[in-house]
Protein backbone atom coordinates (compact mmCIF):
# COMPACT_ATOMS: atom_id res chain seq x y z
CA UNK A 1 90.44 67.23 57.52
CA UNK A 2 90.77 70.21 59.81
CA UNK A 3 87.90 71.56 61.91
CA UNK A 4 88.36 75.32 62.12
CA UNK A 5 86.79 77.21 65.01
CA UNK A 6 86.67 80.97 65.32
CA UNK A 7 87.37 82.02 68.91
CA UNK A 8 86.82 85.60 70.04
CA UNK A 9 88.99 86.84 72.89
CA UNK A 10 88.04 89.91 74.93
CA UNK A 11 90.79 91.80 76.75
CA UNK A 12 92.23 95.25 77.48
CA UNK A 13 94.70 96.13 74.74
CA UNK A 14 97.36 98.82 75.04
CA UNK A 15 96.92 101.13 72.05
CA UNK A 16 99.75 102.99 70.28
CA UNK A 17 98.81 106.25 72.05
CA UNK A 18 99.18 104.54 75.45
CA UNK A 19 95.46 104.27 76.17
CA UNK A 20 93.82 101.01 77.26
CA UNK A 21 90.98 99.83 75.03
CA UNK A 22 88.69 96.83 75.49
CA UNK A 23 88.87 94.72 72.31
CA UNK A 24 87.21 91.51 71.13
CA UNK A 25 89.57 89.90 68.60
CA UNK A 26 88.91 86.77 66.49
CA UNK A 27 91.41 83.92 66.14
CA UNK A 28 91.17 80.67 64.21
CA UNK A 29 91.95 77.34 65.89
CA UNK A 30 92.11 73.81 64.50
CA UNK A 31 90.35 71.63 67.08
CA UNK A 32 88.08 68.60 67.41
CA UNK A 33 85.46 70.21 69.65
CA UNK A 34 84.27 73.52 71.07
CA UNK A 35 85.84 72.61 74.41
CA UNK A 36 89.21 71.85 72.84
CA UNK A 37 89.05 75.06 70.78
CA UNK A 38 88.47 77.14 73.92
CA UNK A 39 91.27 75.39 75.83
CA UNK A 40 93.70 75.74 72.90
CA UNK A 41 93.03 79.47 72.36
CA UNK A 42 93.64 80.12 76.06
CA UNK A 43 96.92 78.17 75.85
CA UNK A 44 98.03 79.93 72.63
CA UNK A 45 97.32 83.54 73.57
CA UNK A 46 98.22 83.53 77.28
CA UNK A 47 101.90 84.39 76.59
CA UNK A 48 100.89 87.39 74.45
CA UNK A 49 98.26 89.04 76.65
CA UNK A 50 99.06 90.65 79.98
CA UNK A 51 96.19 90.96 82.41
CA UNK A 52 92.84 89.29 82.36
CA UNK A 53 91.03 88.06 79.26
CA UNK A 54 88.05 85.92 78.42
CA UNK A 55 86.93 83.78 75.51
CA UNK A 56 83.70 85.53 74.54
CA UNK A 57 82.64 83.22 71.68
CA UNK A 58 83.53 79.96 69.94
CA UNK A 59 81.90 79.04 66.65
CA UNK A 60 82.52 76.46 63.94
CA UNK A 61 83.53 77.88 60.54
CA UNK A 62 82.95 76.56 57.03
CA UNK A 63 86.56 77.12 55.94
CA UNK A 64 87.62 74.13 53.84
CA UNK A 65 91.29 74.97 53.30
CA UNK A 66 94.01 77.46 54.26
CA UNK A 67 96.80 78.75 52.04
CA UNK A 68 99.70 79.85 54.25
CA UNK A 69 102.26 82.62 53.73
CA UNK A 70 104.62 83.18 56.66
CA UNK A 71 105.54 86.69 55.47
CA UNK A 72 101.90 87.85 55.40
CA UNK A 73 100.19 89.83 58.15
CA UNK A 74 96.53 89.69 57.02
CA UNK A 75 93.98 86.97 56.30
CA UNK A 76 91.63 87.03 53.33
CA UNK A 77 88.56 84.86 52.82
CA UNK A 78 88.17 83.65 49.25
CA UNK A 79 84.76 82.34 48.25
CA UNK A 80 85.25 80.07 45.25
CA UNK A 81 82.66 78.27 43.14
CA UNK A 82 83.79 74.92 41.74
CA UNK A 83 82.04 74.11 38.47
CA UNK A 84 81.02 70.54 37.72
CA UNK A 85 78.82 69.12 35.00
CA UNK A 86 76.21 66.51 35.85
CA UNK A 87 76.93 63.57 33.52
CA UNK A 88 73.28 62.50 33.24
CA UNK A 89 71.62 65.88 32.66
CA UNK A 90 74.63 67.83 31.29
CA UNK A 91 73.68 70.68 33.64
CA UNK A 92 76.42 72.87 35.07
CA UNK A 93 76.49 72.83 38.88
CA UNK A 94 78.41 75.21 41.15
CA UNK A 95 79.58 74.22 44.63
CA UNK A 96 80.99 77.00 46.79
CA UNK A 97 83.90 76.65 49.21
CA UNK A 98 85.59 79.07 51.59
CA UNK A 99 89.39 79.21 51.53
CA UNK A 100 91.41 81.36 53.93
CA UNK A 101 94.49 82.93 52.34
CA UNK A 102 97.37 84.68 54.10
CA UNK A 103 98.62 87.78 52.29
CA UNK A 104 99.88 91.31 52.85
CA UNK A 105 97.40 92.93 50.45
CA UNK A 106 94.49 92.17 48.12
CA UNK A 107 96.70 91.40 45.09
CA UNK A 108 98.85 89.13 47.25
CA UNK A 109 95.71 87.28 48.37
CA UNK A 110 94.69 86.73 44.75
CA UNK A 111 98.21 85.62 43.76
CA UNK A 112 98.55 83.27 46.78
CA UNK A 113 95.11 81.80 46.04
CA UNK A 114 95.97 81.17 42.39
CA UNK A 115 99.32 79.63 43.41
CA UNK A 116 97.51 77.32 45.86
CA UNK A 117 95.05 76.25 43.16
CA UNK A 118 97.77 75.48 40.56
CA UNK A 119 97.42 71.69 40.64
CA UNK A 120 93.61 71.73 40.66
CA UNK A 121 91.96 70.01 37.72
CA UNK A 122 88.49 71.40 38.49
CA UNK A 123 87.15 74.56 36.88
CA UNK A 124 86.38 77.35 39.34
CA UNK A 125 85.26 80.96 39.59
CA UNK A 126 86.31 83.36 42.33
CA UNK A 127 83.08 84.73 43.80
CA UNK A 128 84.68 87.13 46.30
CA UNK A 129 87.86 88.00 48.17
CA UNK A 130 87.42 89.85 51.47
CA UNK A 131 89.84 90.88 54.19
CA UNK A 132 88.98 89.29 57.54
CA UNK A 133 89.52 90.66 61.06
CA UNK A 134 91.23 87.36 62.07
CA UNK A 135 94.35 88.13 64.12
CA UNK A 136 96.09 84.74 63.86
CA UNK A 137 95.54 81.10 62.90
CA UNK A 138 96.73 78.18 65.03
CA UNK A 139 97.21 74.73 63.47
CA UNK A 140 96.66 71.55 65.42
CA UNK A 141 99.52 70.54 67.73
CA UNK A 142 100.39 66.89 67.41
CA UNK A 143 101.75 65.50 70.66
CA UNK A 144 105.03 63.67 70.42
CA UNK A 145 104.61 59.95 71.09
CA UNK A 146 105.47 58.94 74.63
CA UNK A 147 108.48 56.64 74.98
CA UNK A 148 107.58 53.04 75.71
CA UNK A 149 108.27 51.88 79.24
CA UNK A 150 110.72 49.02 79.58
């Protein structure tokens, strides 16, 4: 299971009007620890940022799953309540989960979420869908196995 960390990166960004503006942008990284998350975000964004930057914050998120869409340019956070019934007491119980969905607009986020949930047998209710400020999401990089020495 992935451990998603939100890393905020502070740097001077060139705006469309040519002015420099100090920004603090969030990114999502799949990492095992805070230290790895910080190292990975530095490695991932270095080619895209000219000048100095700093990682201003690293925090663990409660995102349980991500639904990808390579054509999308925004990230939406879907809060979903899974409904289960306790077999002993017959009481309905709701367990909430956070799922990040890539989409170009709100309707796309809903459609991509529903597509991702197609094979799910559990009953669920969508509690909320909100657009996030997340700039990009970086999956874990699996290192290629080293060749055995002869």
